[in-house]
Amino acid sequence: MPELKEILANTYCNAVAEYFSRNKLSIDEDLTNLSPQEQEAALYQIITNYSAEKSKVIEKWANTPLEELQGSTPDQAISDLSSLEQVFEIFTHIARAADEHPPALLIKKLQQYGNDAVSQLYQLAVDNRDGEPPADYLFAASVITLGTMVMDECIEALITLAYQVEKEPQLEQIEAALKLHKDRTIEPILERMGDTGFGNVETMLLYVLACSGANDDRIYRLIRSAFRTMDNKMHAILCFEVYGDGRAVPMLRSFLEKNAHGLPDRVFHQIVGTIRRLGGNTEDFMNAHHHAH
């Protein structure tokens, strides 16, 4: 008879695969006719719809009695697990089996083991940070689980992990996981940032702060410092835009007044767009830019 971990992994993967083989993820409109911002919004909506449908499929799987489990449901089987070792074995088996987020009921069960679960997830991510499939599946599953579990220790683990990785896609996964914690990230990140400058990790952490949804003057001051000191201004400009504080407008306008003619078009238009979204006027810059080109 197959082991529990194999039954859960196989039925989980099959449930997701079968649903989406019958219900293809489709794009109903021609995105090429949309502006970049409209394309981004349309794609975001498509992904949101996909995630919502997938959640329904997984919930149905979790609560459907399975013959392989003698009529028990996956939810019941996981709830009955009595040790972190058992839960983690199933977690890693499912993560290896498919490039899918771990099911929510498994993450909920892991959270019951608190710091011990966080430590094991962190170590699993570290051990698989440089691998190819299925190692990168294990890394991704660990990171998204640390982003989903509502514990301060998860935030600390993700920040520490960010300094252990070198590949950009992995740093992006950590960023996405940290953003799930929203304003709970503020104190841990500010404590880590200090006066270390703005390398790749610090730049990512700054963007997480900007996306936290908090109105915290320390975040604004940190973005302002990044804009003044970083050679590549784009990261700080994006942070100003997503943070949404109109106090950045005079600084951005002043920067354009001094540097507009030497800026790449991409940077120029990003600054102009940010000023507009923060409520500032850019007509004078656009007229000058048009005449210069």
C-alpha atoms as a PDB file:
ATOM      1  CA  MET A   1       0.000   0.000   0.000  1.00  0.00           C
ATOM      2  CA  PRO A   2       1.365   3.469  -0.825  1.00  0.00           C
ATOM      3  CA  GLU A   3       2.601   5.573   2.073  1.00  0.00           C
ATOM      4  CA  LEU A   4       0.495   8.491   3.279  1.00  0.00           C
ATOM      5  CA  LYS A   5       2.947  11.020   1.835  1.00  0.00           C
ATOM      6  CA  GLU A   6       2.640   9.425  -1.616  1.00  0.00           C
ATOM      7  CA  ILE A   7      -1.153   9.302  -1.471  1.00  0.00           C
ATOM      8  CA  LEU A   8      -1.402  12.955  -0.459  1.00  0.00           C
ATOM      9  CA  ALA A   9       1.174  14.146  -3.005  1.00  0.00           C
ATOM     10  CA  ASN A  10      -0.318  12.169  -5.891  1.00  0.00           C
ATOM     11  CA  THR A  11      -3.936  13.092  -5.226  1.00  0.00           C
ATOM     12  CA  TYR A  12      -3.028  16.742  -4.617  1.00  0.00           C
ATOM     13  CA  CYS A  13      -1.068  17.078  -7.862  1.00  0.00           C
ATOM     14  CA  ASN A  14      -3.714  15.165  -9.819  1.00  0.00           C
ATOM     15  CA  ALA A  15      -6.549  17.338  -8.492  1.00  0.00           C
ATOM     16  CA  VAL A  16      -4.824  20.546  -9.598  1.00  0.00           C
ATOM     17  CA  ALA A  17      -3.640  19.138 -12.938  1.00  0.00           C
ATOM     18  CA  GLU A  18      -7.008  17.620 -13.858  1.00  0.00           C
ATOM     19  CA  TYR A  19      -8.932  20.808 -13.120  1.00  0.00           C
ATOM     20  CA  PHE A  20      -6.682  23.060 -15.167  1.00  0.00           C
ATOM     21  CA  SER A  21      -6.455  20.579 -18.039  1.00  0.00           C
ATOM     22  CA  ARG A  22     -10.226  20.970 -18.366  1.00  0.00           C
ATOM     23  CA  ASN A  23     -10.249  24.696 -17.619  1.00  0.00           C
ATOM     24  CA  LYS A  24      -7.346  26.265 -19.474  1.00  0.00           C
ATOM     25  CA  LEU A  25      -5.940  29.521 -18.147  1.00  0.00           C
ATOM     26  CA  SER A  26      -6.852  31.875 -20.979  1.00  0.00           C
ATOM     27  CA  ILE A  27      -6.385  35.523 -21.830  1.00  0.00           C
ATOM     28  CA  ASP A  28      -9.680  36.837 -23.173  1.00  0.00           C
ATOM     29  CA  GLU A  29      -8.358  40.089 -24.600  1.00  0.00           C
ATOM     30  CA  ASP A  30      -5.490  41.190 -26.783  1.00  0.00           C
ATOM     31  CA  LEU A  31      -3.032  42.703 -24.314  1.00  0.00           C
ATOM     32  CA  THR A  32      -0.859  44.148 -27.080  1.00  0.00           C
ATOM     33  CA  ASN A  33      -3.339  47.005 -27.536  1.00  0.00           C
ATOM     34  CA  LEU A  34      -3.059  48.035 -23.885  1.00  0.00           C
ATOM     35  CA  SER A  35      -0.606  50.397 -22.238  1.00  0.00           C
ATOM     36  CA  PRO A  36       2.100  48.809 -20.048  1.00  0.00           C
ATOM     37  CA  GLN A  37       0.154  49.779 -16.927  1.00  0.00           C
ATOM     38  CA  GLU A  38      -3.055  48.289 -18.348  1.00  0.00           C
ATOM     39  CA  GLN A  39      -1.211  45.123 -19.374  1.00  0.00           C
ATOM     40  CA  GLU A  40       0.157  44.767 -15.856  1.00  0.00           C
ATOM     41  CA  ALA A  41      -3.312  45.254 -14.356  1.00  0.00           C
ATOM     42  CA  ALA A  42      -4.837  42.726 -16.781  1.00  0.00           C
ATOM     43  CA  LEU A  43      -2.177  40.116 -16.066  1.00  0.00           C
ATOM     44  CA  TYR A  44      -2.553  40.691 -12.336  1.00  0.00           C
ATOM     45  CA  GLN A  45      -6.291  40.045 -12.647  1.00  0.00           C
ATOM     46  CA  ILE A  46      -5.655  36.848 -14.620  1.00  0.00           C
ATOM     47  CA  ILE A  47      -3.246  35.598 -11.961  1.00  0.00           C
ATOM     48  CA  THR A  48      -5.690  36.574  -9.201  1.00  0.00           C
ATOM     49  CA  ASN A  49      -8.474  34.620 -10.903  1.00  0.00           C
ATOM     50  CA  TYR A  50      -6.161  31.631 -11.353  1.00  0.00           C
ATOM     51  CA  SER A  51      -5.185  31.691  -7.678  1.00  0.00           C
ATOM     52  CA  ALA A  52      -8.813  31.920  -6.577  1.00  0.00           C
ATOM     53  CA  GLU A  53      -9.816  28.964  -8.761  1.00  0.00           C
ATOM     54  CA  LYS A  54      -6.842  26.956  -7.569  1.00  0.00           C
ATOM     55  CA  SER A  55      -7.756  27.627  -3.928  1.00  0.00           C
ATOM     56  CA  LYS A  56     -11.235  26.221  -4.565  1.00  0.00           C
ATOM     57  CA  VAL A  57      -9.770  23.104  -6.182  1.00  0.00           C
ATOM     58  CA  ILE A  58      -7.409  22.534  -3.253  1.00  0.00           C
ATOM     59  CA  GLU A  59     -10.168  23.062  -0.692  1.00  0.00           C
ATOM     60  CA  LYS A  60     -12.312  20.492  -2.492  1.00  0.00           C
ATOM     61  CA  TRP A  61      -9.387  18.043  -2.544  1.00  0.00           C
ATOM     62  CA  ALA A  62      -8.753  18.583   1.159  1.00  0.00           C
ATOM     63  CA  ASN A  63     -12.339  17.772   2.104  1.00  0.00           C
ATOM     64  CA  THR A  64     -13.080  14.914  -0.306  1.00  0.00           C
ATOM     65  CA  PRO A  65     -13.018  11.378   1.193  1.00  0.00           C
ATOM     66  CA  LEU A  66     -10.433   9.233  -0.595  1.00  0.00           C
ATOM     67  CA  GLU A  67     -10.633   5.500  -1.129  1.00  0.00           C
ATOM     68  CA  GLU A  68      -6.843   5.343  -0.680  1.00  0.00           C
ATOM     69  CA  LEU A  69      -7.332   6.755   2.849  1.00  0.00           C
ATOM     70  CA  GLN A  70     -10.140   4.327   3.699  1.00  0.00           C
ATOM     71  CA  GLY A  71     -12.725   7.057   3.322  1.00  0.00           C
ATOM     72  CA  SER A  72     -10.828   9.687   5.303  1.00  0.00           C
ATOM     73  CA  THR A  73     -10.101  13.124   3.825  1.00  0.00           C
ATOM     74  CA  PRO A  74      -6.652  14.691   3.331  1.00  0.00           C
ATOM     75  CA  ASP A  75      -7.656  17.304   5.911  1.00  0.00           C
ATOM     76  CA  GLN A  76      -8.396  14.620   8.488  1.00  0.00           C
ATOM     77  CA  ALA A  77      -5.234  12.684   7.652  1.00  0.00           C
ATOM     78  CA  ILE A  78      -3.014  15.737   8.111  1.00  0.00           C
ATOM     79  CA  SER A  79      -4.842  16.853  11.264  1.00  0.00           C
ATOM     80  CA  ASP A  80      -4.149  13.431  12.798  1.00  0.00           C
ATOM     81  CA  LEU A  81      -0.378  13.708  12.329  1.00  0.00           C
ATOM     82  CA  SER A  82       1.286  13.786  15.734  1.00  0.00           C
ATOM     83  CA  SER A  83       4.841  15.012  15.118  1.00  0.00           C
ATOM     84  CA  LEU A  84       6.705  17.688  13.208  1.00  0.00           C
ATOM     85  CA  GLU A  85       8.811  14.952  11.626  1.00  0.00           C
ATOM     86  CA  GLN A  86       5.703  13.394  10.051  1.00  0.00           C
ATOM     87  CA  VAL A  87       4.352  16.735   8.854  1.00  0.00           C
ATOM     88  CA  PHE A  88       7.692  17.824   7.421  1.00  0.00           C
ATOM     89  CA  GLU A  89       8.169  14.539   5.583  1.00  0.00           C
ATOM     90  CA  ILE A  90       4.833  15.031   3.809  1.00  0.00           C
ATOM     91  CA  PHE A  91       5.646  18.698   3.158  1.00  0.00           C
ATOM     92  CA  THR A  92       8.953  17.903   1.450  1.00  0.00           C
ATOM     93  CA  HIS A  93       7.435  15.025  -0.523  1.00  0.00           C
ATOM     94  CA  ILE A  94       4.662  17.232  -1.919  1.00  0.00           C
ATOM     95  CA  ALA A  95       7.154  20.022  -2.655  1.00  0.00           C
ATOM     96  CA  ARG A  96       9.378  17.618  -4.614  1.00  0.00           C
ATOM     97  CA  ALA A  97       6.449  16.171  -6.519  1.00  0.00           C
ATOM     98  CA  ALA A  98       5.138  19.369  -8.074  1.00  0.00           C
ATOM     99  CA  ASP A  99       5.920  22.985  -8.765  1.00  0.00           C
ATOM    100  CA  GLU A 100       2.927  23.995  -6.677  1.00  0.00           C
ATOM    101  CA  HIS A 101       2.471  25.906  -3.448  1.00  0.00           C
ATOM    102  CA  PRO A 102       1.996  23.570  -0.486  1.00  0.00           C
ATOM    103  CA  PRO A 103      -1.689  23.129   0.431  1.00  0.00           C
ATOM    104  CA  ALA A 104      -2.942  25.551   3.067  1.00  0.00           C
ATOM    105  CA  LEU A 105      -3.964  22.802   5.504  1.00  0.00           C
ATOM    106  CA  LEU A 106      -0.354  21.544   5.551  1.00  0.00           C
ATOM    107  CA  ILE A 107       0.996  25.034   6.220  1.00  0.00           C
ATOM    108  CA  LYS A 108      -1.562  25.457   9.014  1.00  0.00           C
ATOM    109  CA  LYS A 109      -0.403  22.177  10.554  1.00  0.00           C
ATOM    110  CA  LEU A 110       3.247  23.255  10.330  1.00  0.00           C
ATOM    111  CA  GLN A 111       2.467  26.510  12.117  1.00  0.00           C
ATOM    112  CA  GLN A 112       1.306  24.534  15.146  1.00  0.00           C
ATOM    113  CA  TYR A 113       4.952  23.584  15.715  1.00  0.00           C
ATOM    114  CA  GLY A 114       6.075  27.220  15.954  1.00  0.00           C
ATOM    115  CA  ASN A 115       9.790  27.995  16.001  1.00  0.00           C
ATOM    116  CA  ASP A 116      10.793  24.388  15.363  1.00  0.00           C
ATOM    117  CA  ALA A 117       8.913  24.449  12.056  1.00  0.00           C
ATOM    118  CA  VAL A 118      10.428  27.823  11.127  1.00  0.00           C
ATOM    119  CA  SER A 119      13.938  26.496  11.785  1.00  0.00           C
ATOM    120  CA  GLN A 120      13.368  23.437   9.611  1.00  0.00           C
ATOM    121  CA  LEU A 121      11.848  25.496   6.785  1.00  0.00           C
ATOM    122  CA  TYR A 122      14.773  27.919   6.901  1.00  0.00           C
ATOM    123  CA  GLN A 123      17.307  25.096   6.799  1.00  0.00           C
ATOM    124  CA  LEU A 124      15.463  23.378   3.950  1.00  0.00           C
ATOM    125  CA  ALA A 125      15.629  26.617   1.945  1.00  0.00           C
ATOM    126  CA  VAL A 126      19.339  27.106   2.686  1.00  0.00           C
ATOM    127  CA  ASP A 127      20.163  23.519   1.742  1.00  0.00           C
ATOM    128  CA  ASN A 128      18.357  23.852  -1.599  1.00  0.00           C
ATOM    129  CA  ARG A 129      19.197  27.425  -2.571  1.00  0.00           C
ATOM    130  CA  ASP A 130      21.543  26.470  -5.409  1.00  0.00           C
ATOM    131  CA  GLY A 131      19.763  23.456  -6.852  1.00  0.00           C
ATOM    132  CA  GLU A 132      17.868  22.514  -9.979  1.00  0.00           C
ATOM    133  CA  PRO A 133      14.453  20.808  -9.848  1.00  0.00           C
ATOM    134  CA  PRO A 134      13.321  19.381  -7.512  1.00  0.00           C
ATOM    135  CA  ALA A 135      15.702  21.280  -5.206  1.00  0.00           C
ATOM    136  CA  ASP A 136      14.401  24.652  -6.364  1.00  0.00           C
ATOM    137  CA  TYR A 137      10.853  23.407  -5.715  1.00  0.00           C
ATOM    138  CA  LEU A 138      11.892  22.744  -2.115  1.00  0.00           C
ATOM    139  CA  PHE A 139      13.376  26.231  -1.862  1.00  0.00           C
ATOM    140  CA  ALA A 140      10.239  27.853  -3.287  1.00  0.00           C
ATOM    141  CA  ALA A 141       7.916  25.809  -1.067  1.00  0.00           C
ATOM    142  CA  SER A 142       9.906  26.708   2.044  1.00  0.00           C
ATOM    143  CA  VAL A 143       9.945  30.405   1.193  1.00  0.00           C
ATOM    144  CA  ILE A 144       6.228  30.717   0.399  1.00  0.00           C
ATOM    145  CA  THR A 145       5.412  28.819   3.592  1.00  0.00           C
ATOM    146  CA  LEU A 146       7.555  31.224   5.625  1.00  0.00           C
ATOM    147  CA  GLY A 147       5.618  34.008   3.921  1.00  0.00           C
ATOM    148  CA  THR A 148       2.258  32.452   4.746  1.00  0.00           C
ATOM    149  CA  MET A 149       2.772  31.461   8.382  1.00  0.00           C
ATOM    150  CA  VAL A 150       1.853  34.417  10.597  1.00  0.00           C
ATOM    151  CA  MET A 151       4.880  34.513  12.884  1.00  0.00           C
ATOM    152  CA  ASP A 152       7.535  37.164  13.490  1.00  0.00           C
ATOM    153  CA  GLU A 153      10.151  34.412  13.409  1.00  0.00           C
ATOM    154  CA  CYS A 154       9.237  33.775   9.762  1.00  0.00           C
ATOM    155  CA  ILE A 155      10.111  37.367   8.878  1.00  0.00           C
ATOM    156  CA  GLU A 156      13.486  37.086  10.605  1.00  0.00           C
ATOM    157  CA  ALA A 157      14.162  33.805   8.814  1.00  0.00           C
ATOM    158  CA  LEU A 158      13.313  35.291   5.410  1.00  0.00           C
ATOM    159  CA  ILE A 159      15.548  38.325   5.954  1.00  0.00           C
ATOM    160  CA  THR A 160      18.434  36.100   7.043  1.00  0.00           C
ATOM    161  CA  LEU A 161      17.810  33.822   4.070  1.00  0.00           C
ATOM    162  CA  ALA A 162      17.993  36.782   1.682  1.00  0.00           C
ATOM    163  CA  TYR A 163      21.644  37.226   2.620  1.00  0.00           C
ATOM    164  CA  GLN A 164      22.312  33.552   1.842  1.00  0.00           C
ATOM    165  CA  VAL A 165      21.150  33.551  -1.798  1.00  0.00           C
ATOM    166  CA  GLU A 166      22.832  34.857  -4.920  1.00  0.00           C
ATOM    167  CA  LYS A 167      20.301  34.183  -7.688  1.00  0.00           C
ATOM    168  CA  GLU A 168      17.907  36.984  -8.583  1.00  0.00           C
ATOM    169  CA  PRO A 169      14.829  34.723  -8.960  1.00  0.00           C
ATOM    170  CA  GLN A 170      15.325  33.440  -5.420  1.00  0.00           C
ATOM    171  CA  LEU A 171      15.638  36.962  -4.048  1.00  0.00           C
ATOM    172  CA  GLU A 172      12.381  37.797  -5.845  1.00  0.00           C
ATOM    173  CA  GLN A 173      10.686  34.825  -4.184  1.00  0.00           C
ATOM    174  CA  ILE A 174      11.859  36.019  -0.778  1.00  0.00           C
ATOM    175  CA  GLU A 175      10.600  39.525  -1.584  1.00  0.00           C
ATOM    176  CA  ALA A 176       7.163  38.152  -2.479  1.00  0.00           C
ATOM    177  CA  ALA A 177       7.052  36.146   0.750  1.00  0.00           C
ATOM    178  CA  LEU A 178       8.063  39.129   2.890  1.00  0.00           C
ATOM    179  CA  LYS A 179       5.402  41.312   1.254  1.00  0.00           C
ATOM    180  CA  LEU A 180       2.756  38.863   2.475  1.00  0.00           C
ATOM    181  CA  HIS A 181       3.652  39.928   6.031  1.00  0.00           C
ATOM    182  CA  LYS A 182       2.802  43.574   5.199  1.00  0.00           C
ATOM    183  CA  ASP A 183       3.527  46.075   7.982  1.00  0.00           C
ATOM    184  CA  ARG A 184       4.805  43.360  10.333  1.00  0.00           C
ATOM    185  CA  THR A 185       8.049  43.555   8.329  1.00  0.00           C
ATOM    186  CA  ILE A 186       8.817  47.152   9.303  1.00  0.00           C
ATOM    187  CA  GLU A 187      10.635  46.742  12.621  1.00  0.00           C
ATOM    188  CA  PRO A 188      12.644  43.627  11.649  1.00  0.00           C
ATOM    189  CA  ILE A 189      13.775  45.188   8.361  1.00  0.00           C
ATOM    190  CA  LEU A 190      14.645  48.580   9.838  1.00  0.00           C
ATOM    191  CA  GLU A 191      16.643  46.829  12.538  1.00  0.00           C
ATOM    192  CA  ARG A 192      18.631  44.912   9.909  1.00  0.00           C
ATOM    193  CA  MET A 193      19.139  47.812   7.485  1.00  0.00           C
ATOM    194  CA  GLY A 194      21.126  50.076   9.783  1.00  0.00           C
ATOM    195  CA  ASP A 195      23.886  51.941   7.945  1.00  0.00           C
ATOM    196  CA  THR A 196      24.941  49.076   5.696  1.00  0.00           C
ATOM    197  CA  GLY A 197      24.330  50.858   2.404  1.00  0.00           C
ATOM    198  CA  PHE A 198      22.132  49.571  -0.409  1.00  0.00           C
ATOM    199  CA  GLY A 199      23.257  46.316  -1.942  1.00  0.00           C
ATOM    200  CA  ASN A 200      20.912  43.895  -3.705  1.00  0.00           C
ATOM    201  CA  VAL A 201      19.380  42.604  -0.490  1.00  0.00           C
ATOM    202  CA  GLU A 202      18.938  46.030   1.081  1.00  0.00           C
ATOM    203  CA  THR A 203      17.350  47.326  -2.119  1.00  0.00           C
ATOM    204  CA  MET A 204      14.873  44.439  -2.042  1.00  0.00           C
ATOM    205  CA  LEU A 205      14.113  45.053   1.637  1.00  0.00           C
ATOM    206  CA  LEU A 206      13.554  48.745   0.928  1.00  0.00           C
ATOM    207  CA  TYR A 207      10.937  47.852  -1.692  1.00  0.00           C
ATOM    208  CA  VAL A 208       9.239  45.516   0.794  1.00  0.00           C
ATOM    209  CA  LEU A 209       9.028  48.429   3.234  1.00  0.00           C
ATOM    210  CA  ALA A 210       7.592  50.691   0.541  1.00  0.00           C
ATOM    211  CA  CYS A 211       4.941  48.051  -0.225  1.00  0.00           C
ATOM    212  CA  SER A 212       4.028  47.470   3.429  1.00  0.00           C
ATOM    213  CA  GLY A 213       1.076  49.857   3.317  1.00  0.00           C
ATOM    214  CA  ALA A 214       2.322  51.694   6.396  1.00  0.00           C
ATOM    215  CA  ASN A 215       2.562  55.450   6.778  1.00  0.00           C
ATOM    216  CA  ASP A 216       5.865  55.510   8.625  1.00  0.00           C
ATOM    217  CA  ASP A 217       8.228  58.456   8.288  1.00  0.00           C
ATOM    218  CA  ARG A 218      11.238  56.196   8.805  1.00  0.00           C
ATOM    219  CA  ILE A 219      10.394  54.443   5.541  1.00  0.00           C
ATOM    220  CA  TYR A 220      10.157  57.726   3.646  1.00  0.00           C
ATOM    221  CA  ARG A 221      13.492  58.897   5.050  1.00  0.00           C
ATOM    222  CA  LEU A 222      15.141  55.626   4.062  1.00  0.00           C
ATOM    223  CA  ILE A 223      13.814  55.843   0.493  1.00  0.00           C
ATOM    224  CA  ARG A 224      15.002  59.449   0.321  1.00  0.00           C
ATOM    225  CA  SER A 225      18.457  58.385   1.500  1.00  0.00           C
ATOM    226  CA  ALA A 226      18.553  55.633  -1.125  1.00  0.00           C
ATOM    227  CA  PHE A 227      17.617  58.079  -3.866  1.00  0.00           C
ATOM    228  CA  ARG A 228      20.375  60.460  -2.847  1.00  0.00           C
ATOM    229  CA  THR A 229      23.123  57.862  -2.493  1.00  0.00           C
ATOM    230  CA  MET A 230      22.430  55.091  -5.032  1.00  0.00           C
ATOM    231  CA  ASP A 231      24.011  55.283  -8.472  1.00  0.00           C
ATOM    232  CA  ASN A 232      21.027  53.456  -9.974  1.00  0.00           C
ATOM    233  CA  LYS A 233      18.106  55.710  -9.056  1.00  0.00           C
ATOM    234  CA  MET A 234      15.408  53.444 -10.529  1.00  0.00           C
ATOM    235  CA  HIS A 235      14.988  51.331  -7.403  1.00  0.00           C
ATOM    236  CA  ALA A 236      14.414  54.346  -5.181  1.00  0.00           C
ATOM    237  CA  ILE A 237      12.080  55.940  -7.747  1.00  0.00           C
ATOM    238  CA  LEU A 238       9.944  52.792  -7.792  1.00  0.00           C
ATOM    239  CA  CYS A 239       9.900  52.848  -3.992  1.00  0.00           C
ATOM    240  CA  PHE A 240       8.746  56.480  -3.977  1.00  0.00           C
ATOM    241  CA  GLU A 241       5.958  55.576  -6.385  1.00  0.00           C
ATOM    242  CA  VAL A 242       4.619  52.596  -4.463  1.00  0.00           C
ATOM    243  CA  TYR A 243       5.021  54.315  -1.072  1.00  0.00           C
ATOM    244  CA  GLY A 244       2.912  57.197  -2.363  1.00  0.00           C
ATOM    245  CA  ASP A 245       4.173  60.164  -0.334  1.00  0.00           C
ATOM    246  CA  GLY A 246       3.833  63.485  -2.179  1.00  0.00           C
ATOM    247  CA  ARG A 247       6.793  64.940  -0.285  1.00  0.00           C
ATOM    248  CA  ALA A 248       8.999  63.221  -2.861  1.00  0.00           C
ATOM    249  CA  VAL A 249       7.744  65.470  -5.674  1.00  0.00           C
ATOM    250  CA  PRO A 250      10.053  68.488  -5.049  1.00  0.00           C
ATOM    251  CA  MET A 251      13.082  66.208  -4.796  1.00  0.00           C
ATOM    252  CA  LEU A 252      12.215  64.384  -8.015  1.00  0.00           C
ATOM    253  CA  ARG A 253      11.501  67.628  -9.864  1.00  0.00           C
ATOM    254  CA  SER A 254      14.785  69.096  -8.669  1.00  0.00           C
ATOM    255  CA  PHE A 255      16.623  66.000  -9.865  1.00  0.00           C
ATOM    256  CA  LEU A 256      15.019  66.289 -13.309  1.00  0.00           C
ATOM    257  CA  GLU A 257      15.848  69.983 -13.555  1.00  0.00           C
ATOM    258  CA  LYS A 258      19.523  69.174 -13.040  1.00  0.00           C
ATOM    259  CA  ASN A 259      19.834  65.875 -14.895  1.00  0.00           C
ATOM    260  CA  ALA A 260      17.003  65.469 -17.430  1.00  0.00           C
ATOM    261  CA  HIS A 261      19.188  65.831 -20.527  1.00  0.00           C
ATOM    262  CA  GLY A 262      21.591  63.090 -19.458  1.00  0.00           C
ATOM    263  CA  LEU A 263      19.038  60.511 -18.361  1.00  0.00           C
ATOM    264  CA  PRO A 264      18.095  57.394 -20.338  1.00  0.00           C
ATOM    265  CA  ASP A 265      14.521  57.653 -21.629  1.00  0.00           C
ATOM    266  CA  ARG A 266      13.402  54.812 -19.359  1.00  0.00           C
ATOM    267  CA  VAL A 267      14.572  56.609 -16.222  1.00  0.00           C
ATOM    268  CA  PHE A 268      13.223  59.967 -17.390  1.00  0.00           C
ATOM    269  CA  HIS A 269       9.747  58.590 -18.059  1.00  0.00           C
ATOM    270  CA  GLN A 270       9.721  56.621 -14.804  1.00  0.00           C
ATOM    271  CA  ILE A 271      10.477  59.783 -12.824  1.00  0.00           C
ATOM    272  CA  VAL A 272       7.870  61.771 -14.759  1.00  0.00           C
ATOM    273  CA  GLY A 273       5.285  59.051 -14.208  1.00  0.00           C
ATOM    274  CA  THR A 274       6.092  58.887 -10.502  1.00  0.00           C
ATOM    275  CA  ILE A 275       5.771  62.663 -10.103  1.00  0.00           C
ATOM    276  CA  ARG A 276       2.370  62.556 -11.801  1.00  0.00           C
ATOM    277  CA  ARG A 277       1.132  59.683  -9.655  1.00  0.00           C
ATOM    278  CA  LEU A 278       2.237  61.583  -6.562  1.00  0.00           C
ATOM    279  CA  GLY A 279       0.210  64.610  -7.655  1.00  0.00           C
ATOM    280  CA  GLY A 280       2.954  66.748  -9.184  1.00  0.00           C
ATOM    281  CA  ASN A 281       3.084  68.644 -12.476  1.00  0.00           C
ATOM    282  CA  THR A 282       5.455  67.514 -15.243  1.00  0.00           C
ATOM    283  CA  GLU A 283       4.250  69.471 -18.273  1.00  0.00           C
ATOM    284  CA  ASP A 284       7.353  71.665 -18.347  1.00  0.00           C
ATOM    285  CA  PHE A 285       9.661  68.640 -18.385  1.00  0.00           C
ATOM    286  CA  MET A 286       7.673  66.878 -21.089  1.00  0.00           C
ATOM    287  CA  ASN A 287       7.741  69.972 -23.324  1.00  0.00           C
ATOM    288  CA  ALA A 288      11.489  70.365 -22.877  1.00  0.00           C
ATOM    289  CA  HIS A 289      12.057  66.648 -23.468  1.00  0.00           C
ATOM    290  CA  HIS A 290       9.944  66.727 -26.622  1.00  0.00           C
ATOM    291  CA  HIS A 291      11.877  69.668 -28.065  1.00  0.00           C
ATOM    292  CA  ALA A 292      15.200  68.045 -27.181  1.00  0.00           C
ATOM    293  CA  HIS A 293      14.247  64.947 -29.179  1.00  0.00           C
END
